[in-house]
Amino acid sequence: MTTTNQPRNDVSAGWLIAGLLLGFLFGGVVALLRVPRSGTATRQQVAQTAETVRSRVEAVIPSDAIADGLADGKAAARRRRSELGLNT
């Protein structure tokens, strides 16, 4: 029996994820450094993009489900009182 010194091919998931994150970070930094805009213009664009993303997330996820439910209930109660002629 002879043993050969072959490299091991098993890579743990932790190292793989760390490598991917490091690659994304490095790529982002390089992209920001090579962008053909000034730093101020780039920051403004990033801020606008972040605001757009935030508004889209807020549109999908209600800010306060309990408050929304209470507002809907109060509106329904006002409509019903109006239908019954109990407006005060």
PDB file of N, CA and C in Angstrom:
ATOM      1  N   MET A   1       0.818  -1.186   0.000  1.00  0.00           N
ATOM      2  CA  MET A   1       0.000   0.000   0.000  1.00  0.00           C
ATOM      3  C   MET A   1       0.859   1.245   0.000  1.00  0.00           C
ATOM      4  N   THR A   2       0.588   2.089  -0.928  1.00  0.00           N
ATOM      5  CA  THR A   2       1.322   3.341  -0.968  1.00  0.00           C
ATOM      6  C   THR A   2       0.345   4.470  -0.680  1.00  0.00           C
ATOM      7  N   THR A   3       0.805   5.419   0.016  1.00  0.00           N
ATOM      8  CA  THR A   3      -0.031   6.587   0.287  1.00  0.00           C
ATOM      9  C   THR A   3       0.484   7.749  -0.539  1.00  0.00           C
ATOM     10  N   THR A   4      -0.447   8.475  -1.080  1.00  0.00           N
ATOM     11  CA  THR A   4      -0.069   9.654  -1.851  1.00  0.00           C
ATOM     12  C   THR A   4      -0.531  10.877  -1.093  1.00  0.00           C
ATOM     13  N   ASN A   5       0.141  11.930  -1.272  1.00  0.00           N
ATOM     14  CA  ASN A   5      -0.216  13.189  -0.622  1.00  0.00           C
ATOM     15  C   ASN A   5      -1.142  13.979  -1.534  1.00  0.00           C
ATOM     16  N   GLN A   6      -2.405  13.604  -1.505  1.00  0.00           N
ATOM     17  CA  GLN A   6      -3.395  14.304  -2.306  1.00  0.00           C
ATOM     18  C   GLN A   6      -4.038  15.389  -1.443  1.00  0.00           C
ATOM     19  N   PRO A   7      -4.324  16.525  -2.040  1.00  0.00           N
ATOM     20  CA  PRO A   7      -4.975  17.582  -1.264  1.00  0.00           C
ATOM     21  C   PRO A   7      -6.387  17.170  -0.888  1.00  0.00           C
ATOM     22  N   ARG A   8      -6.803  17.636   0.283  1.00  0.00           N
ATOM     23  CA  ARG A   8      -8.172  17.340   0.735  1.00  0.00           C
ATOM     24  C   ARG A   8      -9.139  18.285   0.043  1.00  0.00           C
ATOM     25  N   ASN A   9     -10.275  17.776  -0.355  1.00  0.00           N
ATOM     26  CA  ASN A   9     -11.259  18.562  -1.084  1.00  0.00           C
ATOM     27  C   ASN A   9     -12.459  18.953  -0.228  1.00  0.00           C
ATOM     28  N   ASP A  10     -12.404  18.671   1.057  1.00  0.00           N
ATOM     29  CA  ASP A  10     -13.559  19.010   1.882  1.00  0.00           C
ATOM     30  C   ASP A  10     -13.393  20.422   2.451  1.00  0.00           C
ATOM     31  N   VAL A  11     -14.348  21.262   2.135  1.00  0.00           N
ATOM     32  CA  VAL A  11     -14.354  22.640   2.605  1.00  0.00           C
ATOM     33  C   VAL A  11     -15.578  22.794   3.503  1.00  0.00           C
ATOM     34  N   SER A  12     -15.364  23.302   4.694  1.00  0.00           N
ATOM     35  CA  SER A  12     -16.502  23.461   5.587  1.00  0.00           C
ATOM     36  C   SER A  12     -17.401  24.582   5.091  1.00  0.00           C
ATOM     37  N   ALA A  13     -18.669  24.499   5.447  1.00  0.00           N
ATOM     38  CA  ALA A  13     -19.646  25.500   5.011  1.00  0.00           C
ATOM     39  C   ALA A  13     -19.294  26.870   5.573  1.00  0.00           C
ATOM     40  N   GLY A  14     -18.753  26.914   6.771  1.00  0.00           N
ATOM     41  CA  GLY A  14     -18.387  28.191   7.369  1.00  0.00           C
ATOM     42  C   GLY A  14     -17.338  28.929   6.560  1.00  0.00           C
ATOM     43  N   TRP A  15     -16.308  28.197   6.099  1.00  0.00           N
ATOM     44  CA  TRP A  15     -15.277  28.835   5.298  1.00  0.00           C
ATOM     45  C   TRP A  15     -15.821  29.281   3.942  1.00  0.00           C
ATOM     46  N   LEU A  16     -16.737  28.497   3.394  1.00  0.00           N
ATOM     47  CA  LEU A  16     -17.335  28.860   2.112  1.00  0.00           C
ATOM     48  C   LEU A  16     -18.129  30.150   2.238  1.00  0.00           C
ATOM     49  N   ILE A  17     -18.958  30.243   3.270  1.00  0.00           N
ATOM     50  CA  ILE A  17     -19.764  31.447   3.483  1.00  0.00           C
ATOM     51  C   ILE A  17     -18.868  32.647   3.768  1.00  0.00           C
ATOM     52  N   ALA A  18     -17.836  32.449   4.595  1.00  0.00           N
ATOM     53  CA  ALA A  18     -16.908  33.544   4.885  1.00  0.00           C
ATOM     54  C   ALA A  18     -16.219  34.027   3.607  1.00  0.00           C
ATOM     55  N   GLY A  19     -15.826  33.107   2.757  1.00  0.00           N
ATOM     56  CA  GLY A  19     -15.194  33.486   1.493  1.00  0.00           C
ATOM     57  C   GLY A  19     -16.130  34.248   0.581  1.00  0.00           C
ATOM     58  N   LEU A  20     -17.384  33.802   0.520  1.00  0.00           N
ATOM     59  CA  LEU A  20     -18.375  34.510  -0.301  1.00  0.00           C
ATOM     60  C   LEU A  20     -18.614  35.916   0.219  1.00  0.00           C
ATOM     61  N   LEU A  21     -18.783  36.054   1.532  1.00  0.00           N
ATOM     62  CA  LEU A  21     -19.010  37.379   2.110  1.00  0.00           C
ATOM     63  C   LEU A  21     -17.819  38.299   1.877  1.00  0.00           C
ATOM     64  N   LEU A  22     -16.630  37.769   2.044  1.00  0.00           N
ATOM     65  CA  LEU A  22     -15.431  38.568   1.807  1.00  0.00           C
ATOM     66  C   LEU A  22     -15.349  38.980   0.339  1.00  0.00           C
ATOM     67  N   GLY A  23     -15.718  38.089  -0.550  1.00  0.00           N
ATOM     68  CA  GLY A  23     -15.718  38.416  -1.977  1.00  0.00           C
ATOM     69  C   GLY A  23     -16.732  39.491  -2.323  1.00  0.00           C
ATOM     70  N   PHE A  24     -17.927  39.401  -1.745  1.00  0.00           N
ATOM     71  CA  PHE A  24     -18.946  40.429  -1.974  1.00  0.00           C
ATOM     72  C   PHE A  24     -18.481  41.774  -1.433  1.00  0.00           C
ATOM     73  N   LEU A  25     -17.891  41.765  -0.246  1.00  0.00           N
ATOM     74  CA  LEU A  25     -17.401  43.002   0.355  1.00  0.00           C
ATOM     75  C   LEU A  25     -16.301  43.623  -0.506  1.00  0.00           C
ATOM     76  N   PHE A  26     -15.350  42.829  -0.916  1.00  0.00           N
ATOM     77  CA  PHE A  26     -14.262  43.318  -1.759  1.00  0.00           C
ATOM     78  C   PHE A  26     -14.806  43.847  -3.087  1.00  0.00           C
ATOM     79  N   GLY A  27     -15.726  43.114  -3.691  1.00  0.00           N
ATOM     80  CA  GLY A  27     -16.315  43.559  -4.956  1.00  0.00           C
ATOM     81  C   GLY A  27     -17.076  44.862  -4.806  1.00  0.00           C
ATOM     82  N   GLY A  28     -17.784  45.021  -3.698  1.00  0.00           N
ATOM     83  CA  GLY A  28     -18.506  46.269  -3.455  1.00  0.00           C
ATOM     84  C   GLY A  28     -17.576  47.450  -3.297  1.00  0.00           C
ATOM     85  N   VAL A  29     -16.491  47.246  -2.560  1.00  0.00           N
ATOM     86  CA  VAL A  29     -15.519  48.329  -2.373  1.00  0.00           C
ATOM     87  C   VAL A  29     -14.882  48.704  -3.706  1.00  0.00           C
ATOM     88  N   VAL A  30     -14.500  47.729  -4.480  1.00  0.00           N
ATOM     89  CA  VAL A  30     -13.900  48.007  -5.786  1.00  0.00           C
ATOM     90  C   VAL A  30     -14.903  48.726  -6.685  1.00  0.00           C
ATOM     91  N   ALA A  31     -16.152  48.307  -6.668  1.00  0.00           N
ATOM     92  CA  ALA A  31     -17.171  48.953  -7.497  1.00  0.00           C
ATOM     93  C   ALA A  31     -17.359  50.414  -7.082  1.00  0.00           C
ATOM     94  N   LEU A  32     -17.391  50.677  -5.767  1.00  0.00           N
ATOM     95  CA  LEU A  32     -17.549  52.058  -5.314  1.00  0.00           C
ATOM     96  C   LEU A  32     -16.345  52.917  -5.684  1.00  0.00           C
ATOM     97  N   LEU A  33     -15.167  52.342  -5.653  1.00  0.00           N
ATOM     98  CA  LEU A  33     -13.974  53.110  -5.992  1.00  0.00           C
ATOM     99  C   LEU A  33     -13.869  53.382  -7.489  1.00  0.00           C
ATOM    100  N   ARG A  34     -14.451  52.537  -8.302  1.00  0.00           N
ATOM    101  CA  ARG A  34     -14.324  52.698  -9.747  1.00  0.00           C
ATOM    102  C   ARG A  34     -15.527  53.379 -10.378  1.00  0.00           C
ATOM    103  N   VAL A  35     -16.500  53.788  -9.585  1.00  0.00           N
ATOM    104  CA  VAL A  35     -17.700  54.423 -10.120  1.00  0.00           C
ATOM    105  C   VAL A  35     -17.327  55.793 -10.717  1.00  0.00           C
ATOM    106  N   PRO A  36     -17.929  56.162 -11.842  1.00  0.00           N
ATOM    107  CA  PRO A  36     -17.534  57.404 -12.511  1.00  0.00           C
ATOM    108  C   PRO A  36     -18.206  58.661 -11.943  1.00  0.00           C
ATOM    109  N   ARG A  37     -18.687  58.619 -10.698  1.00  0.00           N
ATOM    110  CA  ARG A  37     -19.325  59.775 -10.072  1.00  0.00           C
ATOM    111  C   ARG A  37     -18.486  60.241  -8.893  1.00  0.00           C
ATOM    112  N   SER A  38     -18.795  61.440  -8.446  1.00  0.00           N
ATOM    113  CA  SER A  38     -18.131  61.933  -7.244  1.00  0.00           C
ATOM    114  C   SER A  38     -18.704  61.222  -6.025  1.00  0.00           C
ATOM    115  N   GLY A  39     -18.022  61.339  -4.906  1.00  0.00           N
ATOM    116  CA  GLY A  39     -18.491  60.702  -3.678  1.00  0.00           C
ATOM    117  C   GLY A  39     -19.838  61.233  -3.234  1.00  0.00           C
ATOM    118  N   THR A  40     -20.046  62.536  -3.380  1.00  0.00           N
ATOM    119  CA  THR A  40     -21.316  63.141  -2.977  1.00  0.00           C
ATOM    120  C   THR A  40     -22.461  62.604  -3.827  1.00  0.00           C
ATOM    121  N   ALA A  41     -22.259  62.544  -5.129  1.00  0.00           N
ATOM    122  CA  ALA A  41     -23.308  62.037  -6.018  1.00  0.00           C
ATOM    123  C   ALA A  41     -23.591  60.567  -5.729  1.00  0.00           C
ATOM    124  N   THR A  42     -22.558  59.800  -5.442  1.00  0.00           N
ATOM    125  CA  THR A  42     -22.742  58.383  -5.129  1.00  0.00           C
ATOM    126  C   THR A  42     -23.514  58.222  -3.825  1.00  0.00           C
ATOM    127  N   ARG A  43     -23.165  59.017  -2.810  1.00  0.00           N
ATOM    128  CA  ARG A  43     -23.888  58.938  -1.534  1.00  0.00           C
ATOM    129  C   ARG A  43     -25.348  59.314  -1.708  1.00  0.00           C
ATOM    130  N   GLN A  44     -25.626  60.330  -2.530  1.00  0.00           N
ATOM    131  CA  GLN A  44     -27.012  60.731  -2.783  1.00  0.00           C
ATOM    132  C   GLN A  44     -27.776  59.612  -3.476  1.00  0.00           C
ATOM    133  N   GLN A  45     -27.146  58.949  -4.440  1.00  0.00           N
ATOM    134  CA  GLN A  45     -27.809  57.856  -5.132  1.00  0.00           C
ATOM    135  C   GLN A  45     -28.063  56.691  -4.186  1.00  0.00           C
ATOM    136  N   VAL A  46     -27.088  56.373  -3.334  1.00  0.00           N
ATOM    137  CA  VAL A  46     -27.263  55.294  -2.364  1.00  0.00           C
ATOM    138  C   VAL A  46     -28.394  55.641  -1.403  1.00  0.00           C
ATOM    139  N   ALA A  47     -28.452  56.896  -0.965  1.00  0.00           N
ATOM    140  CA  ALA A  47     -29.520  57.321  -0.047  1.00  0.00           C
ATOM    141  C   ALA A  47     -30.888  57.228  -0.724  1.00  0.00           C
ATOM    142  N   GLN A  48     -30.978  57.625  -1.985  1.00  0.00           N
ATOM    143  CA  GLN A  48     -32.242  57.527  -2.712  1.00  0.00           C
ATOM    144  C   GLN A  48     -32.665  56.076  -2.895  1.00  0.00           C
ATOM    145  N   THR A  49     -31.714  55.214  -3.208  1.00  0.00           N
ATOM    146  CA  THR A  49     -32.019  53.793  -3.363  1.00  0.00           C
ATOM    147  C   THR A  49     -32.476  53.197  -2.049  1.00  0.00           C
ATOM    148  N   ALA A  50     -31.809  53.566  -0.962  1.00  0.00           N
ATOM    149  CA  ALA A  50     -32.201  53.064   0.360  1.00  0.00           C
ATOM    150  C   ALA A  50     -33.606  53.534   0.715  1.00  0.00           C
ATOM    151  N   GLU A  51     -33.934  54.772   0.401  1.00  0.00           N
ATOM    152  CA  GLU A  51     -35.279  55.297   0.677  1.00  0.00           C
ATOM    153  C   GLU A  51     -36.324  54.551  -0.143  1.00  0.00           C
ATOM    154  N   THR A  52     -36.009  54.263  -1.396  1.00  0.00           N
ATOM    155  CA  THR A  52     -36.933  53.513  -2.249  1.00  0.00           C
ATOM    156  C   THR A  52     -37.171  52.117  -1.687  1.00  0.00           C
ATOM    157  N   VAL A  53     -36.102  51.453  -1.283  1.00  0.00           N
ATOM    158  CA  VAL A  53     -36.222  50.111  -0.710  1.00  0.00           C
ATOM    159  C   VAL A  53     -37.039  50.169   0.579  1.00  0.00           C
ATOM    160  N   ARG A  54     -36.768  51.180   1.434  1.00  0.00           N
ATOM    161  CA  ARG A  54     -37.491  51.311   2.703  1.00  0.00           C
ATOM    162  C   ARG A  54     -38.982  51.528   2.454  1.00  0.00           C
ATOM    163  N   SER A  55     -39.330  52.380   1.495  1.00  0.00           N
ATOM    164  CA  SER A  55     -40.740  52.633   1.225  1.00  0.00           C
ATOM    165  C   SER A  55     -41.434  51.392   0.658  1.00  0.00           C
ATOM    166  N   ARG A  56     -40.718  50.612  -0.151  1.00  0.00           N
ATOM    167  CA  ARG A  56     -41.318  49.384  -0.684  1.00  0.00           C
ATOM    168  C   ARG A  56     -41.523  48.346   0.409  1.00  0.00           C
ATOM    169  N   VAL A  57     -40.567  48.250   1.328  1.00  0.00           N
ATOM    170  CA  VAL A  57     -40.708  47.312   2.442  1.00  0.00           C
ATOM    171  C   VAL A  57     -41.872  47.731   3.332  1.00  0.00           C
ATOM    172  N   GLU A  58     -41.986  49.036   3.603  1.00  0.00           N
ATOM    173  CA  GLU A  58     -43.091  49.518   4.430  1.00  0.00           C
ATOM    174  C   GLU A  58     -44.440  49.289   3.758  1.00  0.00           C
ATOM    175  N   ALA A  59     -44.472  49.329   2.422  1.00  0.00           N
ATOM    176  CA  ALA A  59     -45.719  49.090   1.712  1.00  0.00           C
ATOM    177  C   ALA A  59     -46.148  47.630   1.837  1.00  0.00           C
ATOM    178  N   VAL A  60     -45.186  46.731   1.942  1.00  0.00           N
ATOM    179  CA  VAL A  60     -45.490  45.305   2.029  1.00  0.00           C
ATOM    180  C   VAL A  60     -45.789  44.891   3.467  1.00  0.00           C
ATOM    181  N   ILE A  61     -45.017  45.423   4.405  1.00  0.00           N
ATOM    182  CA  ILE A  61     -45.161  45.052   5.812  1.00  0.00           C
ATOM    183  C   ILE A  61     -45.868  46.178   6.533  1.00  0.00           C
ATOM    184  N   PRO A  62     -47.042  45.923   7.096  1.00  0.00           N
ATOM    185  CA  PRO A  62     -47.735  46.996   7.822  1.00  0.00           C
ATOM    186  C   PRO A  62     -46.911  47.447   9.022  1.00  0.00           C
ATOM    187  N   SER A  63     -46.936  48.753   9.269  1.00  0.00           N
ATOM    188  CA  SER A  63     -46.118  49.298  10.339  1.00  0.00           C
ATOM    189  C   SER A  63     -46.616  48.838  11.706  1.00  0.00           C
ATOM    190  N   ASP A  64     -47.919  48.795  11.908  1.00  0.00           N
ATOM    191  CA  ASP A  64     -48.471  48.378  13.192  1.00  0.00           C
ATOM    192  C   ASP A  64     -49.823  47.719  12.930  1.00  0.00           C
ATOM    193  N   ALA A  65     -49.847  46.410  12.940  1.00  0.00           N
ATOM    194  CA  ALA A  65     -51.067  45.675  12.598  1.00  0.00           C
ATOM    195  C   ALA A  65     -52.191  45.970  13.587  1.00  0.00           C
ATOM    196  N   ILE A  66     -51.876  46.154  14.865  1.00  0.00           N
ATOM    197  CA  ILE A  66     -52.905  46.427  15.865  1.00  0.00           C
ATOM    198  C   ILE A  66     -53.537  47.790  15.615  1.00  0.00           C
ATOM    199  N   ALA A  67     -52.714  48.801  15.370  1.00  0.00           N
ATOM    200  CA  ALA A  67     -53.240  50.138  15.107  1.00  0.00           C
ATOM    201  C   ALA A  67     -54.090  50.146  13.836  1.00  0.00           C
ATOM    202  N   ASP A  68     -53.626  49.421  12.810  1.00  0.00           N
ATOM    203  CA  ASP A  68     -54.409  49.344  11.570  1.00  0.00           C
ATOM    204  C   ASP A  68     -55.759  48.674  11.823  1.00  0.00           C
ATOM    205  N   GLY A  69     -55.750  47.619  12.610  1.00  0.00           N
ATOM    206  CA  GLY A  69     -56.996  46.926  12.931  1.00  0.00           C
ATOM    207  C   GLY A  69     -57.946  47.803  13.718  1.00  0.00           C
ATOM    208  N   LEU A  70     -57.421  48.547  14.687  1.00  0.00           N
ATOM    209  CA  LEU A  70     -58.261  49.462  15.466  1.00  0.00           C
ATOM    210  C   LEU A  70     -58.856  50.550  14.577  1.00  0.00           C
ATOM    211  N   ALA A  71     -58.052  51.094  13.672  1.00  0.00           N
ATOM    212  CA  ALA A  71     -58.551  52.129  12.765  1.00  0.00           C
ATOM    213  C   ALA A  71     -59.657  51.577  11.874  1.00  0.00           C
ATOM    214  N   ASP A  72     -59.479  50.355  11.375  1.00  0.00           N
ATOM    215  CA  ASP A  72     -60.522  49.734  10.549  1.00  0.00           C
ATOM    216  C   ASP A  72     -61.798  49.521  11.352  1.00  0.00           C
ATOM    217  N   GLY A  73     -61.647  49.069  12.596  1.00  0.00           N
ATOM    218  CA  GLY A  73     -62.818  48.848  13.456  1.00  0.00           C
ATOM    219  C   GLY A  73     -63.560  50.133  13.762  1.00  0.00           C
ATOM    220  N   LYS A  74     -62.826  51.206  14.057  1.00  0.00           N
ATOM    221  CA  LYS A  74     -63.459  52.494  14.328  1.00  0.00           C
ATOM    222  C   LYS A  74     -64.194  53.014  13.105  1.00  0.00           C
ATOM    223  N   ALA A  75     -63.587  52.852  11.920  1.00  0.00           N
ATOM    224  CA  ALA A  75     -64.248  53.297  10.686  1.00  0.00           C
ATOM    225  C   ALA A  75     -65.526  52.502  10.455  1.00  0.00           C
ATOM    226  N   ALA A  76     -65.489  51.206  10.716  1.00  0.00           N
ATOM    227  CA  ALA A  76     -66.688  50.381  10.549  1.00  0.00           C
ATOM    228  C   ALA A  76     -67.765  50.791  11.545  1.00  0.00           C
ATOM    229  N   ALA A  77     -67.370  51.106  12.778  1.00  0.00           N
ATOM    230  CA  ALA A  77     -68.340  51.539  13.791  1.00  0.00           C
ATOM    231  C   ALA A  77     -68.967  52.871  13.395  1.00  0.00           C
ATOM    232  N   ARG A  78     -68.174  53.797  12.871  1.00  0.00           N
ATOM    233  CA  ARG A  78     -68.731  55.087  12.428  1.00  0.00           C
ATOM    234  C   ARG A  78     -69.714  54.894  11.281  1.00  0.00           C
ATOM    235  N   ARG A  79     -69.365  54.010  10.340  1.00  0.00           N
ATOM    236  CA  ARG A  79     -70.290  53.741   9.231  1.00  0.00           C
ATOM    237  C   ARG A  79     -71.595  53.152   9.741  1.00  0.00           C
ATOM    238  N   ARG A  80     -71.502  52.222  10.670  1.00  0.00           N
ATOM    239  CA  ARG A  80     -72.716  51.582  11.200  1.00  0.00           C
ATOM    240  C   ARG A  80     -73.571  52.557  11.983  1.00  0.00           C
ATOM    241  N   ARG A  81     -72.923  53.430  12.795  1.00  0.00           N
ATOM    242  CA  ARG A  81     -73.676  54.453  13.542  1.00  0.00           C
ATOM    243  C   ARG A  81     -74.378  55.385  12.561  1.00  0.00           C
ATOM    244  N   SER A  82     -73.702  55.724  11.451  1.00  0.00           N
ATOM    245  CA  SER A  82     -74.306  56.585  10.450  1.00  0.00           C
ATOM    246  C   SER A  82     -75.504  55.894   9.805  1.00  0.00           C
ATOM    247  N   GLU A  83     -75.386  54.601   9.531  1.00  0.00           N
ATOM    248  CA  GLU A  83     -76.491  53.843   8.934  1.00  0.00           C
ATOM    249  C   GLU A  83     -77.697  53.804   9.862  1.00  0.00           C
ATOM    250  N   LEU A  84     -77.452  53.733  11.161  1.00  0.00           N
ATOM    251  CA  LEU A  84     -78.525  53.632  12.150  1.00  0.00           C
ATOM    252  C   LEU A  84     -79.050  55.014  12.546  1.00  0.00           C
ATOM    253  N   GLY A  85     -78.432  56.081  12.058  1.00  0.00           N
ATOM    254  CA  GLY A  85     -78.847  57.424  12.402  1.00  0.00           C
ATOM    255  C   GLY A  85     -78.487  57.828  13.817  1.00  0.00           C
ATOM    256  N   LEU A  86     -77.400  57.301  14.342  1.00  0.00           N
ATOM    257  CA  LEU A  86     -76.978  57.597  15.712  1.00  0.00           C
ATOM    258  C   LEU A  86     -75.806  58.570  15.752  1.00  0.00           C
ATOM    259  N   ASN A  87     -75.653  59.382  14.734  1.00  0.00           N
ATOM    260  CA  ASN A  87     -74.535  60.321  14.742  1.00  0.00           C
ATOM    261  C   ASN A  87     -74.736  61.353  15.837  1.00  0.00           C
ATOM    262  N   THR A  88     -73.696  61.645  16.565  1.00  0.00           N
ATOM    263  CA  THR A  88     -73.799  62.647  17.639  1.00  0.00           C
ATOM    264  C   THR A  88     -72.982  63.861  17.324  1.00  0.00           C
TER     265      THR A  88
END
